[in-house]
C-alpha atoms as a PDB file:
ATOM      1  CA  MET A   1      28.184-151.378 -88.083  1.00  0.00           C
ATOM      2  CA  THR A   2      26.433-150.872 -84.557  1.00  0.00           C
ATOM      3  CA  GLY A   3      28.304-148.418 -82.839  1.00  0.00           C
ATOM      4  CA  PRO A   4      29.121-148.378 -79.280  1.00  0.00           C
ATOM      5  CA  VAL A   5      26.021-146.672 -77.803  1.00  0.00           C
ATOM      6  CA  ASP A   6      23.641-148.949 -79.968  1.00  0.00           C
ATOM      7  CA  ALA A   7      25.330-152.008 -78.608  1.00  0.00           C
ATOM      8  CA  PHE A   8      24.978-150.919 -75.581  1.00  0.00           C
ATOM      9  CA  LEU A   9      21.128-149.914 -75.665  1.00  0.00           C
ATOM     10  CA  ASP A  10      20.754-153.216 -77.146  1.00  0.00           C
ATOM     11  CA  HIS A  11      22.667-154.952 -74.041  1.00  0.00           C
ATOM     12  CA  LEU A  12      19.740-153.450 -71.960  1.00  0.00           C
ATOM     13  CA  ARG A  13      16.590-154.294 -74.377  1.00  0.00           C
ATOM     14  CA  ALA A  14      18.685-158.180 -73.715  1.00  0.00           C
ATOM     15  CA  ARG A  15      18.718-157.699 -70.442  1.00  0.00           C
ATOM     16  CA  ARG A  16      14.653-156.881 -70.187  1.00  0.00           C
ATOM     17  CA  TYR A  17      14.763-153.149 -68.836  1.00  0.00           C
ATOM     18  CA  SER A  18      11.962-150.874 -69.077  1.00  0.00           C
ATOM     19  CA  VAL A  19      11.741-148.708 -72.335  1.00  0.00           C
ATOM     20  CA  ARG A  20      11.898-145.654 -69.875  1.00  0.00           C
ATOM     21  CA  THR A  21      14.927-146.256 -68.866  1.00  0.00           C
ATOM     22  CA  ILE A  22      16.392-147.409 -71.724  1.00  0.00           C
ATOM     23  CA  GLU A  23      15.326-143.755 -73.494  1.00  0.00           C
ATOM     24  CA  ALA A  24      17.101-142.390 -70.530  1.00  0.00           C
ATOM     25  CA  TYR A  25      20.161-143.916 -71.056  1.00  0.00           C
ATOM     26  CA  GLY A  26      20.113-142.862 -74.746  1.00  0.00           C
ATOM     27  CA  GLU A  27      19.276-139.446 -73.546  1.00  0.00           C
ATOM     28  CA  ASP A  28      22.130-139.408 -71.354  1.00  0.00           C
ATOM     29  CA  LEU A  29      24.665-140.769 -73.991  1.00  0.00           C
ATOM     30  CA  ALA A  30      23.534-138.221 -76.790  1.00  0.00           C
ATOM     31  CA  HIS A  31      24.521-135.639 -74.847  1.00  0.00           C
ATOM     32  CA  LEU A  32      27.831-137.708 -74.442  1.00  0.00           C
ATOM     33  CA  THR A  33      27.977-138.129 -78.643  1.00  0.00           C
ATOM     34  CA  GLY A  34      27.309-134.397 -78.780  1.00  0.00           C
ATOM     35  CA  LEU A  35      30.176-133.249 -76.780  1.00  0.00           C
ATOM     36  CA  ALA A  36      32.645-135.770 -78.411  1.00  0.00           C
ATOM     37  CA  ASP A  37      31.884-134.292 -81.434  1.00  0.00           C
ATOM     38  CA  THR A  38      34.004-136.414 -83.550  1.00  0.00           C
ATOM     39  CA  THR A  39      36.073-138.284 -80.847  1.00  0.00           C
ATOM     40  CA  PRO A  40      35.426-142.040 -80.523  1.00  0.00           C
ATOM     41  CA  LEU A  41      33.727-142.110 -77.573  1.00  0.00           C
ATOM     42  CA  GLU A  42      36.304-144.803 -76.879  1.00  0.00           C
ATOM     43  CA  ARG A  43      39.211-142.391 -76.955  1.00  0.00           C
ATOM     44  CA  LEU A  44      37.721-140.024 -74.017  1.00  0.00           C
ATOM     45  CA  VAL A  45      39.624-139.689 -71.259  1.00  0.00           C
ATOM     46  CA  PRO A  46      39.038-138.409 -67.731  1.00  0.00           C
ATOM     47  CA  HIS A  47      39.614-134.514 -68.514  1.00  0.00           C
ATOM     48  CA  ASP A  48      36.967-134.905 -71.440  1.00  0.00           C
ATOM     49  CA  ILE A  49      34.544-135.883 -68.942  1.00  0.00           C
ATOM     50  CA  ARG A  50      35.327-132.815 -66.299  1.00  0.00           C
ATOM     51  CA  ARG A  51      35.140-131.083 -69.361  1.00  0.00           C
ATOM     52  CA  PHE A  52      31.669-132.254 -70.519  1.00  0.00           C
ATOM     53  CA  LEU A  53      30.618-132.017 -67.074  1.00  0.00           C
ATOM     54  CA  ALA A  54      31.041-128.348 -67.172  1.00  0.00           C
ATOM     55  CA  THR A  55      30.047-127.452 -70.173  1.00  0.00           C
ATOM     56  CA  LEU A  56      26.659-128.579 -69.557  1.00  0.00           C
ATOM     57  CA  HIS A  57      26.750-127.074 -66.353  1.00  0.00           C
ATOM     58  CA  GLY A  58      27.311-123.827 -67.839  1.00  0.00           C
ATOM     59  CA  ARG A  59      23.962-124.993 -70.237  1.00  0.00           C
ATOM     60  CA  GLY A  60      22.272-125.062 -66.775  1.00  0.00           C
ATOM     61  CA  PHE A  61      22.005-128.294 -66.193  1.00  0.00           C
ATOM     62  CA  ALA A  62      21.224-128.554 -62.336  1.00  0.00           C
ATOM     63  CA  ALA A  63      23.415-131.027 -59.946  1.00  0.00           C
ATOM     64  CA  GLY A  64      20.490-133.678 -59.916  1.00  0.00           C
ATOM     65  CA  SER A  65      20.243-133.819 -63.874  1.00  0.00           C
ATOM     66  CA  LEU A  66      24.349-133.723 -64.401  1.00  0.00           C
ATOM     67  CA  ALA A  67      24.717-136.535 -61.655  1.00  0.00           C
ATOM     68  CA  ARG A  68      21.906-138.822 -63.366  1.00  0.00           C
ATOM     69  CA  ILE A  69      24.008-138.318 -66.834  1.00  0.00           C
ATOM     70  CA  LEU A  70      27.412-138.757 -65.481  1.00  0.00           C
ATOM     71  CA  SER A  71      25.776-142.168 -63.822  1.00  0.00           C
ATOM     72  CA  GLY A  72      24.765-143.092 -67.478  1.00  0.00           C
ATOM     73  CA  TRP A  73      27.996-142.325 -68.893  1.00  0.00           C
ATOM     74  CA  ARG A  74      29.768-144.193 -66.583  1.00  0.00           C
ATOM     75  CA  ALA A  75      27.339-147.170 -67.082  1.00  0.00           C
ATOM     76  CA  PHE A  76      28.184-147.222 -70.677  1.00  0.00           C
ATOM     77  CA  TYR A  77      31.765-147.484 -69.926  1.00  0.00           C
ATOM     78  CA  ARG A  78      31.731-149.922 -67.618  1.00  0.00           C
ATOM     79  CA  HIS A  79      29.778-151.908 -70.070  1.00  0.00           C
ATOM     80  CA  LEU A  80      32.550-150.979 -73.131  1.00  0.00           C
ATOM     81  CA  ALA A  81      35.267-152.550 -70.235  1.00  0.00           C
ATOM     82  CA  ARG A  82      33.674-155.724 -69.785  1.00  0.00           C
ATOM     83  CA  GLN A  83      33.671-156.163 -73.547  1.00  0.00           C
ATOM     84  CA  GLY A  84      37.297-155.640 -73.600  1.00  0.00           C
ATOM     85  CA  LEU A  85      37.377-152.304 -75.549  1.00  0.00           C
ATOM     86  CA  ILE A  86      38.705-149.671 -73.377  1.00  0.00           C
ATOM     87  CA  ALA A  87      41.366-150.274 -70.549  1.00  0.00           C
ATOM     88  CA  ALA A  88      40.022-148.035 -67.981  1.00  0.00           C
ATOM     89  CA  ASN A  89      36.523-145.803 -67.477  1.00  0.00           C
ATOM     90  CA  PRO A  90      37.035-142.910 -67.515  1.00  0.00           C
ATOM     91  CA  CYS A  91      34.158-141.632 -65.223  1.00  0.00           C
ATOM     92  CA  THR A  92      36.102-143.620 -62.405  1.00  0.00           C
ATOM     93  CA  GLY A  93      36.515-140.775 -59.502  1.00  0.00           C
ATOM     94  CA  ILE A  94      34.669-138.285 -61.169  1.00  0.00           C
ATOM     95  CA  ARG A  95      31.905-136.391 -59.304  1.00  0.00           C
ATOM     96  CA  PRO A  96      29.184-134.051 -60.301  1.00  0.00           C
ATOM     97  CA  PRO A  97      28.809-130.680 -58.882  1.00  0.00           C
ATOM     98  CA  LYS A  98      27.624-130.515 -55.822  1.00  0.00           C
ATOM     99  CA  GLY A  99      23.785-128.948 -55.626  1.00  0.00           C
ATOM    100  CA  PRO A 100      22.487-126.771 -53.179  1.00  0.00           C
ATOM    101  CA  LYS A 101      20.755-128.647 -49.863  1.00  0.00           C
ATOM    102  CA  ARG A 102      17.644-127.964 -49.678  1.00  0.00           C
ATOM    103  CA  LEU A 103      16.773-126.906 -46.102  1.00  0.00           C
ATOM    104  CA  PRO A 104      12.891-127.406 -44.702  1.00  0.00           C
ATOM    105  CA  HIS A 105      11.028-124.087 -44.359  1.00  0.00           C
ATOM    106  CA  THR A 106      11.227-122.465 -40.910  1.00  0.00           C
ATOM    107  CA  LEU A 107       7.860-121.040 -39.279  1.00  0.00           C
ATOM    108  CA  SER A 108       8.523-117.400 -38.044  1.00  0.00           C
ATOM    109  CA  PRO A 109       8.067-116.501 -34.659  1.00  0.00           C
ATOM    110  CA  ASP A 110       4.528-115.237 -35.068  1.00  0.00           C
ATOM    111  CA  GLU A 111       3.456-118.245 -36.751  1.00  0.00           C
ATOM    112  CA  MET A 112       4.758-120.858 -34.141  1.00  0.00           C
ATOM    113  CA  ALA A 113       2.756-118.740 -31.404  1.00  0.00           C
ATOM    114  CA  GLN A 114      -0.464-119.119 -33.198  1.00  0.00           C
ATOM    115  CA  LEU A 115      -0.218-122.881 -34.117  1.00  0.00           C
ATOM    116  CA  LEU A 116       1.495-123.775 -30.275  1.00  0.00           C
ATOM    117  CA  GLU A 117      -1.557-121.448 -28.732  1.00  0.00           C
ATOM    118  CA  ALA A 118      -4.530-123.204 -31.025  1.00  0.00           C
ATOM    119  CA  GLY A 119      -6.658-126.213 -29.720  1.00  0.00           C
ATOM    120  CA  ASN A 120      -9.308-126.942 -27.115  1.00  0.00           C
ATOM    121  CA  ASP A 121      -9.844-128.572 -23.692  1.00  0.00           C
ATOM    122  CA  GLU A 122      -9.988-132.341 -25.344  1.00  0.00           C
ATOM    123  CA  PRO A 123      -7.447-134.891 -23.561  1.00  0.00           C
ATOM    124  CA  LEU A 124      -5.545-135.394 -27.609  1.00  0.00           C
ATOM    125  CA  SER A 125      -5.531-131.736 -28.168  1.00  0.00           C
ATOM    126  CA  ILE A 126      -4.139-130.970 -25.257  1.00  0.00           C
ATOM    127  CA  GLN A 127      -1.614-133.614 -25.661  1.00  0.00           C
ATOM    128  CA  ASP A 128      -0.719-132.031 -29.408  1.00  0.00           C
ATOM    129  CA  ARG A 129       0.195-128.380 -27.098  1.00  0.00           C
ATOM    130  CA  ALA A 130       2.595-130.401 -25.188  1.00  0.00           C
ATOM    131  CA  ILE A 131       3.998-132.083 -28.068  1.00  0.00           C
ATOM    132  CA  PHE A 132       4.510-129.512 -30.555  1.00  0.00           C
ATOM    133  CA  GLU A 133       5.672-127.276 -27.536  1.00  0.00           C
ATOM    134  CA  LEU A 134       8.337-129.979 -26.613  1.00  0.00           C
ATOM    135  CA  VAL A 135       9.312-130.171 -30.411  1.00  0.00           C
ATOM    136  CA  TYR A 136      10.075-126.480 -30.791  1.00  0.00           C
ATOM    137  CA  SER A 137      11.436-125.897 -27.112  1.00  0.00           C
ATOM    138  CA  SER A 138      13.796-128.854 -27.868  1.00  0.00           C
ATOM    139  CA  GLY A 139      14.633-129.078 -30.996  1.00  0.00           C
ATOM    140  CA  LEU A 140      13.771-132.992 -30.915  1.00  0.00           C
ATOM    141  CA  ARG A 141      13.605-135.500 -33.669  1.00  0.00           C
ATOM    142  CA  LEU A 142      10.573-137.200 -34.308  1.00  0.00           C
ATOM    143  CA  SER A 143      11.898-140.239 -33.421  1.00  0.00           C
ATOM    144  CA  GLU A 144      13.264-138.865 -30.413  1.00  0.00           C
ATOM    145  CA  LEU A 145       9.804-137.254 -29.432  1.00  0.00           C
ATOM    146  CA  VAL A 146       7.893-140.627 -29.824  1.00  0.00           C
ATOM    147  CA  GLY A 147      10.145-142.649 -27.851  1.00  0.00           C
ATOM    148  CA  LEU A 148      10.285-140.334 -25.019  1.00  0.00           C
ATOM    149  CA  ASN A 149       8.867-142.026 -21.839  1.00  0.00           C
ATOM    150  CA  LEU A 150       7.397-140.054 -18.499  1.00  0.00           C
ATOM    151  CA  THR A 151      10.884-140.609 -17.030  1.00  0.00           C
ATOM    152  CA  SER A 152      12.720-139.053 -20.094  1.00  0.00           C
ATOM    153  CA  VAL A 153      11.518-135.226 -18.338  1.00  0.00           C
ATOM    154  CA  ASP A 154      12.877-133.987 -15.480  1.00  0.00           C
ATOM    155  CA  ARG A 155      10.419-131.496 -15.062  1.00  0.00           C
ATOM    156  CA  GLN A 156      11.993-129.847 -12.058  1.00  0.00           C
ATOM    157  CA  ASN A 157      15.576-129.107 -13.542  1.00  0.00           C
ATOM    158  CA  GLY A 158      13.729-128.207 -16.814  1.00  0.00           C
ATOM    159  CA  GLU A 159      15.704-131.035 -19.023  1.00  0.00           C
ATOM    160  CA  VAL A 160      14.661-133.824 -21.067  1.00  0.00           C
ATOM    161  CA  ARG A 161      17.181-136.571 -21.757  1.00  0.00           C
ATOM    162  CA  VAL A 162      16.701-138.062 -25.520  1.00  0.00           C
ATOM    163  CA  MET A 163      18.218-140.986 -27.474  1.00  0.00           C
ATOM    164  CA  GLY A 164      19.325-140.261 -30.714  1.00  0.00           C
ATOM    165  CA  LYS A 165      20.865-141.427 -33.561  1.00  0.00           C
ATOM    166  CA  GLY A 166      23.426-143.866 -33.183  1.00  0.00           C
ATOM    167  CA  SER A 167      21.778-144.821 -29.467  1.00  0.00           C
ATOM    168  CA  LYS A 168      23.484-141.316 -28.455  1.00  0.00           C
ATOM    169  CA  GLU A 169      22.031-140.115 -25.110  1.00  0.00           C
ATOM    170  CA  ARG A 170      21.852-136.375 -24.656  1.00  0.00           C
ATOM    171  CA  ILE A 171      20.120-134.156 -22.188  1.00  0.00           C
ATOM    172  CA  VAL A 172      18.107-130.614 -23.504  1.00  0.00           C
ATOM    173  CA  PRO A 173      16.879-127.725 -21.754  1.00  0.00           C
ATOM    174  CA  VAL A 174      13.037-127.375 -21.809  1.00  0.00           C
ATOM    175  CA  GLY A 175      11.272-124.183 -21.852  1.00  0.00           C
ATOM    176  CA  VAL A 176       9.160-122.806 -19.195  1.00  0.00           C
ATOM    177  CA  LYS A 177       6.111-122.899 -22.133  1.00  0.00           C
ATOM    178  CA  ALA A 178       6.689-126.637 -22.974  1.00  0.00           C
ATOM    179  CA  LEU A 179       6.777-127.119 -19.340  1.00  0.00           C
ATOM    180  CA  THR A 180       3.723-125.916 -18.315  1.00  0.00           C
ATOM    181  CA  ALA A 181       2.549-128.029 -21.532  1.00  0.00           C
ATOM    182  CA  LEU A 182       3.421-130.751 -20.352  1.00  0.00           C
ATOM    183  CA  GLU A 183       2.206-130.610 -16.845  1.00  0.00           C
ATOM    184  CA  ALA A 184      -1.374-129.804 -18.240  1.00  0.00           C
ATOM    185  CA  TRP A 185      -1.099-132.965 -20.680  1.00  0.00           C
ATOM    186  CA  LEU A 186       0.315-134.999 -17.522  1.00  0.00           C
ATOM    187  CA  ALA A 187      -2.937-133.789 -15.486  1.00  0.00           C
ATOM    188  CA  VAL A 188      -5.264-135.783 -18.304  1.00  0.00           C
ATOM    189  CA  ARG A 189      -3.201-138.321 -19.248  1.00  0.00           C
ATOM    190  CA  ASP A 190      -4.529-141.377 -17.805  1.00  0.00           C
ATOM    191  CA  ARG A 191      -8.071-140.667 -19.286  1.00  0.00           C
ATOM    192  CA  ILE A 192      -6.413-142.027 -22.450  1.00  0.00           C
ATOM    193  CA  ALA A 193      -3.400-143.630 -21.940  1.00  0.00           C
ATOM    194  CA  ARG A 194      -3.144-147.749 -21.705  1.00  0.00           C
ATOM    195  CA  ASP A 195       0.888-147.524 -21.900  1.00  0.00           C
ATOM    196  CA  GLU A 196       2.615-147.689 -18.752  1.00  0.00           C
ATOM    197  CA  ILE A 197       5.763-145.795 -19.747  1.00  0.00           C
ATOM    198  CA  ALA A 198       5.064-143.998 -22.662  1.00  0.00           C
ATOM    199  CA  MET A 199       5.098-139.897 -22.689  1.00  0.00           C
ATOM    200  CA  PHE A 200       2.852-139.182 -25.430  1.00  0.00           C
ATOM    201  CA  VAL A 201      -0.168-142.193 -26.320  1.00  0.00           C
ATOM    202  CA  GLY A 202      -2.635-142.228 -28.998  1.00  0.00           C
ATOM    203  CA  ALA A 203      -6.182-142.399 -29.456  1.00  0.00           C
ATOM    204  CA  ARG A 204      -5.883-145.924 -28.235  1.00  0.00           C
ATOM    205  CA  GLY A 205      -3.577-145.417 -25.423  1.00  0.00           C
ATOM    206  CA  ALA A 206      -0.441-146.866 -26.913  1.00  0.00           C
ATOM    207  CA  ARG A 207       2.420-145.495 -27.497  1.00  0.00           C
ATOM    208  CA  ILE A 208       1.882-142.873 -30.316  1.00  0.00           C
ATOM    209  CA  SER A 209       3.758-143.467 -33.790  1.00  0.00           C
ATOM    210  CA  PRO A 210       5.470-141.000 -35.970  1.00  0.00           C
ATOM    211  CA  ARG A 211       2.975-140.837 -38.547  1.00  0.00           C
ATOM    212  CA  VAL A 212      -0.008-139.791 -35.842  1.00  0.00           C
ATOM    213  CA  VAL A 213       2.102-136.783 -34.843  1.00  0.00           C
ATOM    214  CA  GLN A 214       2.593-135.659 -38.737  1.00  0.00           C
ATOM    215  CA  ALA A 215      -0.995-136.203 -39.435  1.00  0.00           C
ATOM    216  CA  ARG A 216      -1.711-134.156 -36.751  1.00  0.00           C
ATOM    217  CA  LEU A 217       0.362-131.237 -37.161  1.00  0.00           C
ATOM    218  CA  LYS A 218      -0.385-130.778 -40.234  1.00  0.00           C
ATOM    219  CA  THR A 219      -4.136-130.783 -39.395  1.00  0.00           C
ATOM    220  CA  LEU A 220      -3.492-128.207 -36.822  1.00  0.00           C
ATOM    221  CA  ALA A 221      -1.359-125.880 -39.068  1.00  0.00           C
ATOM    222  CA  LEU A 222      -3.990-125.719 -41.637  1.00  0.00           C
ATOM    223  CA  ASN A 223      -6.738-125.187 -39.269  1.00  0.00           C
ATOM    224  CA  GLN A 224      -4.344-122.134 -38.121  1.00  0.00           C
ATOM    225  CA  GLY A 225      -4.619-120.857 -41.858  1.00  0.00           C
ATOM    226  CA  ILE A 226      -0.399-121.719 -42.395  1.00  0.00           C
ATOM    227  CA  THR A 227      -1.481-123.597 -45.897  1.00  0.00           C
ATOM    228  CA  ARG A 228       2.383-124.630 -46.385  1.00  0.00           C
ATOM    229  CA  ASN A 229       3.308-128.301 -45.072  1.00  0.00           C
ATOM    230  CA  VAL A 230       4.467-128.323 -41.787  1.00  0.00           C
ATOM    231  CA  HIS A 231       6.126-131.055 -40.523  1.00  0.00           C
ATOM    232  CA  PRO A 232       7.431-132.202 -37.220  1.00  0.00           C
ATOM    233  CA  HIS A 233      10.807-131.096 -38.774  1.00  0.00           C
ATOM    234  CA  ALA A 234      10.119-127.892 -39.803  1.00  0.00           C
ATOM    235  CA  LEU A 235       9.501-127.194 -35.723  1.00  0.00           C
ATOM    236  CA  ARG A 236      12.598-128.369 -35.322  1.00  0.00           C
ATOM    237  CA  HIS A 237      14.671-126.470 -37.868  1.00  0.00           C
ATOM    238  CA  SER A 238      12.812-123.766 -36.497  1.00  0.00           C
ATOM    239  CA  PHE A 239      13.920-124.436 -33.278  1.00  0.00           C
ATOM    240  CA  ALA A 240      17.965-124.233 -34.507  1.00  0.00           C
ATOM    241  CA  SER A 241      16.747-120.732 -36.589  1.00  0.00           C
ATOM    242  CA  HIS A 242      15.647-118.893 -34.101  1.00  0.00           C
ATOM    243  CA  VAL A 243      18.144-120.079 -31.406  1.00  0.00           C
ATOM    244  CA  LEU A 244      20.692-119.081 -33.795  1.00  0.00           C
ATOM    245  CA  GLN A 245      19.605-116.114 -34.332  1.00  0.00           C
ATOM    246  CA  SER A 246      19.164-114.927 -30.955  1.00  0.00           C
ATOM    247  CA  SER A 247      22.374-116.097 -29.769  1.00  0.00           C
ATOM    248  CA  GLY A 248      24.831-116.908 -32.767  1.00  0.00           C
ATOM    249  CA  ASP A 249      26.236-119.770 -30.673  1.00  0.00           C
ATOM    250  CA  LEU A 250      26.739-122.675 -33.168  1.00  0.00           C
ATOM    251  CA  ARG A 251      28.662-124.511 -30.844  1.00  0.00           C
ATOM    252  CA  ALA A 252      25.466-124.979 -28.282  1.00  0.00           C
ATOM    253  CA  VAL A 253      22.907-125.454 -30.913  1.00  0.00           C
ATOM    254  CA  GLN A 254      24.927-128.246 -32.075  1.00  0.00           C
ATOM    255  CA  GLU A 255      25.132-129.834 -29.098  1.00  0.00           C
ATOM    256  CA  MET A 256      21.061-129.104 -28.195  1.00  0.00           C
ATOM    257  CA  LEU A 257      20.442-130.776 -31.979  1.00  0.00           C
ATOM    258  CA  GLY A 258      22.614-133.778 -31.366  1.00  0.00           C
ATOM    259  CA  HIS A 259      25.137-133.210 -34.239  1.00  0.00           C
ATOM    260  CA  ALA A 260      27.895-135.173 -34.330  1.00  0.00           C
ATOM    261  CA  SER A 261      29.717-132.406 -37.022  1.00  0.00           C
ATOM    262  CA  LEU A 262      29.368-128.542 -36.576  1.00  0.00           C
ATOM    263  CA  SER A 263      28.850-128.379 -40.829  1.00  0.00           C
ATOM    264  CA  THR A 264      25.809-130.529 -40.252  1.00  0.00           C
ATOM    265  CA  THR A 265      24.596-127.609 -37.959  1.00  0.00           C
ATOM    266  CA  GLN A 266      25.480-124.955 -40.514  1.00  0.00           C
ATOM    267  CA  VAL A 267      23.728-127.026 -42.855  1.00  0.00           C
ATOM    268  CA  TYR A 268      20.805-127.127 -40.767  1.00  0.00           C
ATOM    269  CA  THR A 269      20.578-124.006 -40.404  1.00  0.00           C
ATOM    270  CA  HIS A 270      19.920-120.619 -41.674  1.00  0.00           C
ATOM    271  CA  LEU A 271      21.295-117.222 -40.856  1.00  0.00           C
ATOM    272  CA  ASP A 272      20.901-113.973 -43.073  1.00  0.00           C
ATOM    273  CA  PHE A 273      24.056-112.157 -44.003  1.00  0.00           C
ATOM    274  CA  GLN A 274      23.223-109.017 -41.524  1.00  0.00           C
ATOM    275  CA  HIS A 275      23.093-111.377 -38.397  1.00  0.00           C
ATOM    276  CA  LEU A 276      26.234-112.865 -39.568  1.00  0.00           C
ATOM    277  CA  ALA A 277      28.265-109.672 -39.555  1.00  0.00           C
ATOM    278  CA  LYS A 278      27.010-108.120 -36.308  1.00  0.00           C
ATOM    279  CA  VAL A 279      28.197-112.112 -34.648  1.00  0.00           C
ATOM    280  CA  TYR A 280      31.185-111.465 -36.426  1.00  0.00           C
ATOM    281  CA  ASP A 281      31.706-107.798 -35.531  1.00  0.00           C
ATOM    282  CA  GLN A 282      31.249-108.518 -31.916  1.00  0.00           C
ATOM    283  CA  ALA A 283      33.228-111.964 -31.675  1.00  0.00           C
ATOM    284  CA  HIS A 284      36.628-111.057 -33.398  1.00  0.00           C
ATOM    285  CA  PRO A 285      38.969-109.477 -31.811  1.00  0.00           C
ATOM    286  CA  ARG A 286      40.174-107.898 -35.223  1.00  0.00           C
ATOM    287  CA  ALA A 287      36.878-106.980 -36.167  1.00  0.00           C
ATOM    288  CA  LYS A 288      36.150-105.379 -32.655  1.00  0.00           C
ATOM    289  CA  LYS A 289      35.556-101.269 -33.427  1.00  0.00           C
ATOM    290  CA  LYS A 290      37.798 -99.479 -30.293  1.00  0.00           C
END
């Protein structure tokens, strides 16, 4: 007599699932069968599923692997429910353990200086310095950067007005070096620009595209001997990290980054424990030394 796992895999074959997908489901259900031991799979309850996930986690399975395995189990029990073999899916409402969120690498202040002081006097090279100075100075997203117009930057007050996620507008400070780089770019912009309103343009004079910004930054970094994969998001992340390490003002960084939630800023940045302890000692009334 065909067991429930074999019947499920036969069902997937009949639905013309790929061989690799069927093999993956088979591997997921092999874990389930092994953990269930002599208990029929149809009799497992949510407590069993949670215990099995904890067991696999204890064996060193990563969060991503557990999520995939649980997805396979959930699909299996969904099939059994449709067949009328179980009353409820024991995987419903169960989530795998969360893994650590991967953050982009930051560049050190010295690496940022090495990157931003590179280039030559060609118009596109001058524009590159303005672009990357501005991203690092103000923590702009790539989409925000390429969407800037000539009127977006208030050079007199040192501010840039950007349109962020959810069409939310915000105003962010611009540092002196970025303003200087922008002035240099605007002095030569007319040599290549055909777009009348875009702040930054590509080689053909139209508004610059995200891909071009990414490619030019990567090339610039390699030319400066920075072998890591440097992309605009890493400059934004470096901005947040360096400002936080200097000021400890999480709320201000949240506002400048345009994050709706403070928790997003906390995940997005990283501080070493010694700096956090220093900020705590200086700020908390019960931590201050008399």
